[in-house]
Amino acid sequence: MTKRLLIVDDSSIMRRTIEKNLETYDLEIIGQAANGMEALELVEKEKPDVVTLDITMPEMDGIECLEGIMKIHPTAKVMIITALSDKLTGLQALDKGARGFMYKPVSAEDLARSFDKLLKRNGE
């Protein structure tokens, strides 16, 4: 079954990179957002199965956005993809409902490994 994906990052280059590297997955990209406010509107409207979420964004950061996503759509699988290398932020995100955490820059292999685990591919 095709999963519905929302990509949230204030960098258009990063959004395109994520989209390009996930082409081989059975994912329908239902939208992209450049900040947490846009993301919450799209989550409310589209109810994506999977969300990639940056932490450092204008208007609303990723942690606050994650809290909002979990209130609106608690079954969404959220993968944090951030340049912050702060371990505490990663733990905080996982504590608030994120299913995974990756540091930028991300390689195609890192994304594949993380998404295989997130989506339970390869028999895991």
N, C-alpha and C. Protein backbone atom coordinates (compact mmCIF):
# COMPACT_ATOMS: atom_id res chain seq x y z
N MET A 1 0.83 -1.18 0.00
CA MET A 1 0.00 0.00 0.00
C MET A 1 0.88 1.25 0.00
N THR A 2 0.57 2.18 -0.85
CA THR A 2 1.34 3.41 -0.96
C THR A 2 1.16 4.26 0.29
N LYS A 3 2.28 4.67 0.87
CA LYS A 3 2.26 5.57 2.03
C LYS A 3 2.32 7.00 1.52
N ARG A 4 1.68 7.89 2.27
CA ARG A 4 1.63 9.30 1.89
C ARG A 4 2.68 10.07 2.69
N LEU A 5 3.54 10.81 1.98
CA LEU A 5 4.69 11.49 2.58
C LEU A 5 4.56 13.01 2.50
N LEU A 6 4.87 13.66 3.61
CA LEU A 6 4.99 15.11 3.67
C LEU A 6 6.44 15.44 3.99
N ILE A 7 7.06 16.31 3.19
CA ILE A 7 8.45 16.72 3.40
C ILE A 7 8.46 18.13 3.97
N VAL A 8 9.08 18.30 5.15
CA VAL A 8 9.11 19.60 5.81
C VAL A 8 10.55 20.03 6.06
N ASP A 9 10.97 21.08 5.37
CA ASP A 9 12.31 21.63 5.55
C ASP A 9 12.32 23.03 4.97
N ASP A 10 13.00 23.97 5.63
CA ASP A 10 13.02 25.33 5.10
C ASP A 10 13.94 25.48 3.88
N SER A 11 14.75 24.46 3.60
CA SER A 11 15.63 24.48 2.43
C SER A 11 14.98 23.74 1.26
N SER A 12 14.74 24.47 0.17
CA SER A 12 14.15 23.82 -1.01
C SER A 12 15.11 22.78 -1.58
N ILE A 13 16.41 23.01 -1.45
CA ILE A 13 17.40 22.03 -1.92
C ILE A 13 17.27 20.73 -1.14
N MET A 14 17.12 20.84 0.18
CA MET A 14 16.96 19.65 1.02
C MET A 14 15.66 18.93 0.70
N ARG A 15 14.58 19.68 0.49
CA ARG A 15 13.30 19.04 0.14
C ARG A 15 13.44 18.24 -1.16
N ARG A 16 14.10 18.83 -2.16
CA ARG A 16 14.31 18.12 -3.43
C ARG A 16 15.20 16.90 -3.25
N THR A 17 16.24 17.03 -2.41
CA THR A 17 17.15 15.90 -2.15
C THR A 17 16.39 14.73 -1.53
N ILE A 18 15.57 15.02 -0.54
CA ILE A 18 14.78 13.96 0.11
C ILE A 18 13.84 13.32 -0.91
N GLU A 19 13.15 14.16 -1.67
CA GLU A 19 12.21 13.65 -2.68
C GLU A 19 12.92 12.75 -3.69
N LYS A 20 14.06 13.21 -4.20
CA LYS A 20 14.81 12.45 -5.20
C LYS A 20 15.31 11.11 -4.63
N ASN A 21 15.79 11.12 -3.41
CA ASN A 21 16.35 9.91 -2.82
C ASN A 21 15.29 8.91 -2.35
N LEU A 22 14.04 9.32 -2.32
CA LEU A 22 12.98 8.40 -1.91
C LEU A 22 12.10 7.96 -3.08
N GLU A 23 12.56 8.24 -4.30
CA GLU A 23 11.79 7.88 -5.50
C GLU A 23 11.49 6.39 -5.62
N THR A 24 12.41 5.55 -5.13
CA THR A 24 12.22 4.11 -5.29
C THR A 24 11.27 3.52 -4.25
N TYR A 25 10.82 4.35 -3.32
CA TYR A 25 9.91 3.87 -2.28
C TYR A 25 8.47 4.03 -2.74
N ASP A 26 7.62 3.21 -2.17
CA ASP A 26 6.20 3.27 -2.49
C ASP A 26 5.58 4.42 -1.68
N LEU A 27 6.00 5.64 -2.03
CA LEU A 27 5.55 6.82 -1.30
C LEU A 27 4.94 7.82 -2.28
N GLU A 28 3.80 8.37 -1.91
CA GLU A 28 3.19 9.43 -2.68
C GLU A 28 3.46 10.73 -1.92
N ILE A 29 4.18 11.65 -2.55
CA ILE A 29 4.47 12.92 -1.88
C ILE A 29 3.23 13.80 -1.98
N ILE A 30 2.61 14.01 -0.83
CA ILE A 30 1.35 14.75 -0.81
C ILE A 30 1.55 16.24 -0.56
N GLY A 31 2.81 16.62 -0.29
CA GLY A 31 3.08 18.03 -0.10
C GLY A 31 4.46 18.27 0.45
N GLN A 32 4.84 19.54 0.40
CA GLN A 32 6.10 19.99 0.97
C GLN A 32 5.82 21.28 1.72
N ALA A 33 6.51 21.47 2.83
CA ALA A 33 6.32 22.68 3.64
C ALA A 33 7.67 23.26 3.99
N ALA A 34 7.75 24.60 4.04
CA ALA A 34 9.00 25.29 4.34
C ALA A 34 9.09 25.70 5.80
N ASN A 35 8.01 25.51 6.55
CA ASN A 35 8.04 25.84 7.99
C ASN A 35 6.98 25.03 8.73
N GLY A 36 7.03 25.10 10.05
CA GLY A 36 6.12 24.32 10.88
C GLY A 36 4.66 24.68 10.73
N MET A 37 4.37 25.95 10.49
CA MET A 37 2.97 26.37 10.33
C MET A 37 2.37 25.73 9.08
N GLU A 38 3.10 25.81 7.96
CA GLU A 38 2.63 25.17 6.72
C GLU A 38 2.47 23.66 6.93
N ALA A 39 3.42 23.07 7.63
CA ALA A 39 3.39 21.63 7.88
C ALA A 39 2.12 21.22 8.61
N LEU A 40 1.78 21.95 9.68
CA LEU A 40 0.59 21.59 10.46
C LEU A 40 -0.69 21.73 9.63
N GLU A 41 -0.75 22.75 8.77
CA GLU A 41 -1.92 22.89 7.89
C GLU A 41 -2.04 21.68 6.97
N LEU A 42 -0.90 21.25 6.42
CA LEU A 42 -0.93 20.09 5.52
C LEU A 42 -1.24 18.79 6.25
N VAL A 43 -0.73 18.64 7.47
CA VAL A 43 -1.03 17.43 8.25
C VAL A 43 -2.52 17.38 8.56
N GLU A 44 -3.08 18.51 8.94
CA GLU A 44 -4.51 18.60 9.25
C GLU A 44 -5.35 18.20 8.03
N LYS A 45 -4.96 18.70 6.87
CA LYS A 45 -5.73 18.49 5.64
C LYS A 45 -5.48 17.11 5.01
N GLU A 46 -4.22 16.68 4.98
CA GLU A 46 -3.85 15.48 4.21
C GLU A 46 -3.64 14.21 5.03
N LYS A 47 -3.39 14.33 6.32
CA LYS A 47 -3.12 13.17 7.20
C LYS A 47 -2.06 12.23 6.60
N PRO A 48 -0.83 12.73 6.40
CA PRO A 48 0.22 11.88 5.81
C PRO A 48 0.60 10.73 6.74
N ASP A 49 1.03 9.62 6.13
CA ASP A 49 1.49 8.47 6.92
C ASP A 49 2.90 8.72 7.46
N VAL A 50 3.71 9.43 6.65
CA VAL A 50 5.11 9.65 6.97
C VAL A 50 5.42 11.14 6.78
N VAL A 51 6.24 11.68 7.70
CA VAL A 51 6.65 13.08 7.61
C VAL A 51 8.16 13.15 7.85
N THR A 52 8.89 13.83 6.94
CA THR A 52 10.28 14.18 7.24
C THR A 52 10.23 15.59 7.78
N LEU A 53 10.96 15.84 8.87
CA LEU A 53 10.82 17.11 9.57
C LEU A 53 12.17 17.66 9.99
N ASP A 54 12.43 18.91 9.58
CA ASP A 54 13.63 19.62 10.01
C ASP A 54 13.35 20.21 11.39
N ILE A 55 14.40 20.51 12.15
CA ILE A 55 14.23 21.12 13.47
C ILE A 55 14.29 22.65 13.38
N THR A 56 15.33 23.16 12.71
CA THR A 56 15.55 24.60 12.66
C THR A 56 14.83 25.19 11.46
N MET A 57 13.70 25.84 11.73
CA MET A 57 12.89 26.45 10.67
C MET A 57 12.31 27.76 11.17
N PRO A 58 11.96 28.66 10.25
CA PRO A 58 11.31 29.91 10.66
C PRO A 58 9.87 29.68 11.11
N GLU A 59 9.33 30.61 11.85
CA GLU A 59 7.93 30.64 12.31
C GLU A 59 7.61 29.62 13.40
N MET A 60 8.00 28.39 13.21
CA MET A 60 7.76 27.35 14.22
C MET A 60 8.83 26.29 14.05
N ASP A 61 9.56 25.98 15.13
CA ASP A 61 10.62 24.99 14.99
C ASP A 61 10.05 23.58 14.91
N GLY A 62 10.93 22.65 14.59
CA GLY A 62 10.51 21.27 14.37
C GLY A 62 9.97 20.56 15.60
N ILE A 63 10.50 20.89 16.78
CA ILE A 63 10.02 20.25 18.01
C ILE A 63 8.57 20.67 18.29
N GLU A 64 8.31 21.97 18.17
CA GLU A 64 6.95 22.46 18.37
C GLU A 64 6.01 21.89 17.30
N CYS A 65 6.50 21.83 16.07
CA CYS A 65 5.72 21.27 14.98
C CYS A 65 5.43 19.78 15.24
N LEU A 66 6.43 19.04 15.70
CA LEU A 66 6.26 17.62 16.02
C LEU A 66 5.15 17.43 17.05
N GLU A 67 5.15 18.27 18.08
CA GLU A 67 4.09 18.18 19.10
C GLU A 67 2.73 18.38 18.45
N GLY A 68 2.63 19.35 17.54
CA GLY A 68 1.37 19.61 16.84
C GLY A 68 0.96 18.45 15.97
N ILE A 69 1.93 17.87 15.25
CA ILE A 69 1.63 16.72 14.38
C ILE A 69 1.08 15.57 15.22
N MET A 70 1.70 15.30 16.35
CA MET A 70 1.27 14.19 17.20
C MET A 70 -0.14 14.42 17.77
N LYS A 71 -0.51 15.66 17.99
CA LYS A 71 -1.88 15.96 18.46
C LYS A 71 -2.89 15.76 17.34
N ILE A 72 -2.55 16.22 16.14
CA ILE A 72 -3.46 16.14 14.99
C ILE A 72 -3.55 14.72 14.45
N HIS A 73 -2.40 14.06 14.34
CA HIS A 73 -2.32 12.76 13.64
C HIS A 73 -1.29 11.86 14.35
N PRO A 74 -1.67 11.30 15.51
CA PRO A 74 -0.71 10.56 16.34
C PRO A 74 -0.10 9.31 15.70
N THR A 75 -0.67 8.78 14.64
CA THR A 75 -0.10 7.58 14.01
C THR A 75 0.92 7.92 12.92
N ALA A 76 1.13 9.20 12.64
CA ALA A 76 2.12 9.59 11.62
C ALA A 76 3.51 9.17 12.08
N LYS A 77 4.28 8.64 11.13
CA LYS A 77 5.67 8.27 11.41
C LYS A 77 6.54 9.45 11.01
N VAL A 78 7.15 10.10 12.01
CA VAL A 78 7.94 11.30 11.76
C VAL A 78 9.43 10.97 11.83
N MET A 79 10.14 11.34 10.77
CA MET A 79 11.60 11.19 10.70
C MET A 79 12.20 12.59 10.77
N ILE A 80 12.94 12.85 11.83
CA ILE A 80 13.62 14.13 11.98
C ILE A 80 14.91 14.10 11.14
N ILE A 81 15.09 15.12 10.30
CA ILE A 81 16.32 15.25 9.50
C ILE A 81 16.83 16.66 9.76
N THR A 82 17.94 16.78 10.49
CA THR A 82 18.39 18.09 10.94
C THR A 82 19.90 18.27 10.88
N ALA A 83 20.31 19.52 10.81
CA ALA A 83 21.73 19.86 10.85
C ALA A 83 22.20 19.97 12.30
N LEU A 84 21.27 20.07 13.24
CA LEU A 84 21.64 20.16 14.65
C LEU A 84 22.28 18.84 15.08
N SER A 85 23.45 18.92 15.66
CA SER A 85 24.10 17.68 16.11
C SER A 85 23.98 17.53 17.63
N ASP A 86 22.98 18.18 18.16
CA ASP A 86 22.72 18.16 19.59
C ASP A 86 21.95 16.89 19.97
N LYS A 87 22.61 16.01 20.71
CA LYS A 87 21.98 14.72 21.07
C LYS A 87 20.71 14.93 21.90
N LEU A 88 20.69 15.95 22.76
CA LEU A 88 19.53 16.21 23.59
C LEU A 88 18.29 16.52 22.75
N THR A 89 18.48 17.28 21.68
CA THR A 89 17.37 17.60 20.78
C THR A 89 16.83 16.33 20.15
N GLY A 90 17.73 15.44 19.75
CA GLY A 90 17.31 14.16 19.17
C GLY A 90 16.51 13.34 20.15
N LEU A 91 16.97 13.26 21.37
CA LEU A 91 16.24 12.52 22.41
C LEU A 91 14.89 13.16 22.69
N GLN A 92 14.88 14.48 22.72
CA GLN A 92 13.62 15.21 22.95
C GLN A 92 12.62 14.91 21.83
N ALA A 93 13.10 14.90 20.58
CA ALA A 93 12.22 14.60 19.45
C ALA A 93 11.67 13.19 19.53
N LEU A 94 12.53 12.23 19.87
CA LEU A 94 12.07 10.83 20.00
C LEU A 94 11.07 10.71 21.15
N ASP A 95 11.32 11.43 22.22
CA ASP A 95 10.42 11.41 23.37
C ASP A 95 9.04 11.99 23.02
N LYS A 96 9.01 12.93 22.09
CA LYS A 96 7.76 13.58 21.72
C LYS A 96 7.05 12.88 20.56
N GLY A 97 7.59 11.74 20.11
CA GLY A 97 6.85 10.95 19.12
C GLY A 97 7.55 10.68 17.81
N ALA A 98 8.72 11.28 17.57
CA ALA A 98 9.43 10.99 16.32
C ALA A 98 9.85 9.52 16.31
N ARG A 99 9.87 8.91 15.13
CA ARG A 99 10.25 7.50 15.00
C ARG A 99 11.69 7.31 14.59
N GLY A 100 12.34 8.41 14.16
CA GLY A 100 13.72 8.32 13.73
C GLY A 100 14.35 9.68 13.71
N PHE A 101 15.68 9.69 13.62
CA PHE A 101 16.44 10.93 13.70
C PHE A 101 17.69 10.79 12.85
N MET A 102 17.90 11.74 11.93
CA MET A 102 19.08 11.72 11.07
C MET A 102 19.73 13.09 11.07
N TYR A 103 21.05 13.10 10.90
CA TYR A 103 21.78 14.35 10.81
C TYR A 103 22.10 14.69 9.36
N LYS A 104 21.99 15.99 9.01
CA LYS A 104 22.42 16.46 7.70
C LYS A 104 23.93 16.65 7.72
N PRO A 105 24.59 16.54 6.60
CA PRO A 105 24.00 16.18 5.30
C PRO A 105 23.67 14.69 5.26
N VAL A 106 22.60 14.37 4.58
CA VAL A 106 22.20 12.96 4.48
C VAL A 106 22.61 12.42 3.11
N SER A 107 23.06 11.20 3.11
CA SER A 107 23.40 10.54 1.85
C SER A 107 22.20 9.68 1.44
N ALA A 108 22.20 9.28 0.19
CA ALA A 108 21.14 8.39 -0.30
C ALA A 108 21.10 7.11 0.52
N GLU A 109 22.31 6.61 0.90
CA GLU A 109 22.38 5.36 1.67
C GLU A 109 21.80 5.54 3.07
N ASP A 110 22.11 6.69 3.70
CA ASP A 110 21.56 6.97 5.04
C ASP A 110 20.04 7.04 5.00
N LEU A 111 19.52 7.75 3.99
CA LEU A 111 18.07 7.87 3.85
C LEU A 111 17.45 6.49 3.63
N ALA A 112 18.05 5.71 2.76
CA ALA A 112 17.53 4.37 2.47
C ALA A 112 17.50 3.52 3.73
N ARG A 113 18.60 3.52 4.46
CA ARG A 113 18.68 2.71 5.69
C ARG A 113 17.61 3.15 6.69
N SER A 114 17.50 4.46 6.88
CA SER A 114 16.53 4.98 7.85
C SER A 114 15.09 4.71 7.42
N PHE A 115 14.82 4.87 6.13
CA PHE A 115 13.45 4.64 5.66
C PHE A 115 13.10 3.16 5.60
N ASP A 116 14.09 2.31 5.32
CA ASP A 116 13.84 0.87 5.39
C ASP A 116 13.38 0.50 6.80
N LYS A 117 14.06 1.05 7.78
CA LYS A 117 13.72 0.78 9.18
C LYS A 117 12.36 1.41 9.54
N LEU A 118 12.16 2.66 9.13
CA LEU A 118 10.92 3.38 9.43
C LEU A 118 9.71 2.68 8.83
N LEU A 119 9.86 2.22 7.61
CA LEU A 119 8.75 1.59 6.89
C LEU A 119 8.76 0.07 6.99
N LYS A 120 9.73 -0.45 7.77
CA LYS A 120 9.87 -1.89 8.01
C LYS A 120 10.02 -2.67 6.70
N ARG A 121 10.90 -2.15 5.81
CA ARG A 121 11.18 -2.87 4.58
C ARG A 121 12.26 -3.90 4.83
N ASN A 122 12.51 -4.72 3.84
CA ASN A 122 13.55 -5.77 3.90
C ASN A 122 13.29 -6.76 5.03
N GLY A 123 12.04 -7.04 5.31
CA GLY A 123 11.67 -8.08 6.25
C GLY A 123 11.93 -7.77 7.72
N GLU A 124 12.24 -6.54 8.05
CA GLU A 124 12.50 -6.21 9.46
C GLU A 124 11.21 -6.18 10.24
